[in-house]
Every structure is written in C-alpha cells, then in structure tokens.
Protein backbone atom coordinates (compact mmCIF):
# COMPACT_ATOMS: atom_id res chain seq x y z
CA MET A 1 -22.94 50.44 -33.44
CA ASN A 2 -21.76 54.35 -33.30
CA TRP A 3 -18.84 55.35 -35.58
CA GLY A 4 -17.08 58.56 -34.93
CA SER A 5 -16.25 58.99 -38.69
CA ALA A 6 -16.66 57.80 -42.19
CA ALA A 7 -13.21 56.10 -41.83
CA ASP A 8 -14.32 54.10 -38.48
CA PHE A 9 -17.31 53.16 -40.47
CA PHE A 10 -15.63 51.46 -43.38
CA ALA A 11 -13.09 50.08 -41.01
CA MET A 12 -15.72 48.33 -39.52
CA GLY A 13 -13.75 47.88 -36.35
CA GLY A 14 -10.94 46.19 -37.96
CA TYR A 15 -13.32 43.88 -39.93
CA GLY A 16 -13.64 46.06 -43.10
CA LEU A 17 -11.62 44.29 -45.29
CA TYR A 18 -13.63 41.22 -44.88
CA VAL A 19 -17.16 43.06 -44.73
CA TRP A 20 -16.51 45.28 -47.80
CA GLY A 21 -14.41 42.31 -49.80
CA SER A 22 -17.61 39.87 -49.24
CA TYR A 23 -19.98 42.69 -50.72
CA ALA A 24 -17.44 43.03 -53.66
CA VAL A 25 -17.22 39.26 -54.26
CA THR A 26 -21.02 39.04 -54.12
CA ALA A 27 -21.34 41.98 -56.78
CA VAL A 28 -18.81 40.34 -58.97
CA CYS A 29 -20.50 36.93 -58.93
CA ILE A 30 -23.95 38.68 -59.61
CA ALA A 31 -22.50 40.74 -62.39
CA ILE A 32 -20.94 37.56 -64.13
CA GLU A 33 -24.18 35.92 -63.78
CA LEU A 34 -26.06 38.43 -65.46
CA VAL A 35 -23.74 38.53 -68.36
CA SER A 36 -23.78 34.79 -68.58
CA LEU A 37 -27.33 34.96 -68.63
CA ALA A 38 -27.47 37.39 -71.08
CA ARG A 39 -25.23 35.59 -73.44
CA ARG A 40 -27.18 31.96 -73.04
CA ARG A 41 -30.24 33.81 -73.77
CA ARG A 42 -28.91 35.47 -76.96
CA ALA A 43 -27.42 31.98 -78.17
CA ALA A 44 -30.71 30.37 -77.57
CA GLY A 45 -32.70 33.05 -79.89
CA GLY A 46 -34.63 34.66 -77.04
CA PRO A 47 -36.04 38.00 -77.03
CA SER A 48 -33.37 40.72 -76.51
C-alpha cells in the first residue's frame, strides 16, 4: 500500500482503530504476562 502522509498511515484506510487497538491490547497482555511471570518466579524462590 502507498500512503500519502503519516496520518493516512495511522488511519489505515479507516481501520486504524482496530489495527492499532489490537497492537495495544497485545502489548498490554504481554506486559501483564511478564509481570506475572516475574512475581511467580520471585514467590517460588527462583533466581532474580
């Protein structure tokens, strides 16, 4: 695809909210998983 500007790129042809929203949800889920993993590892007495 060819975008004329950065705004067109982020709009993604009208689907930008869904595209960038899915990236945001995925990033939040990965961050929660990493925090959860660190807490479980610390509680189990593993190396820090």
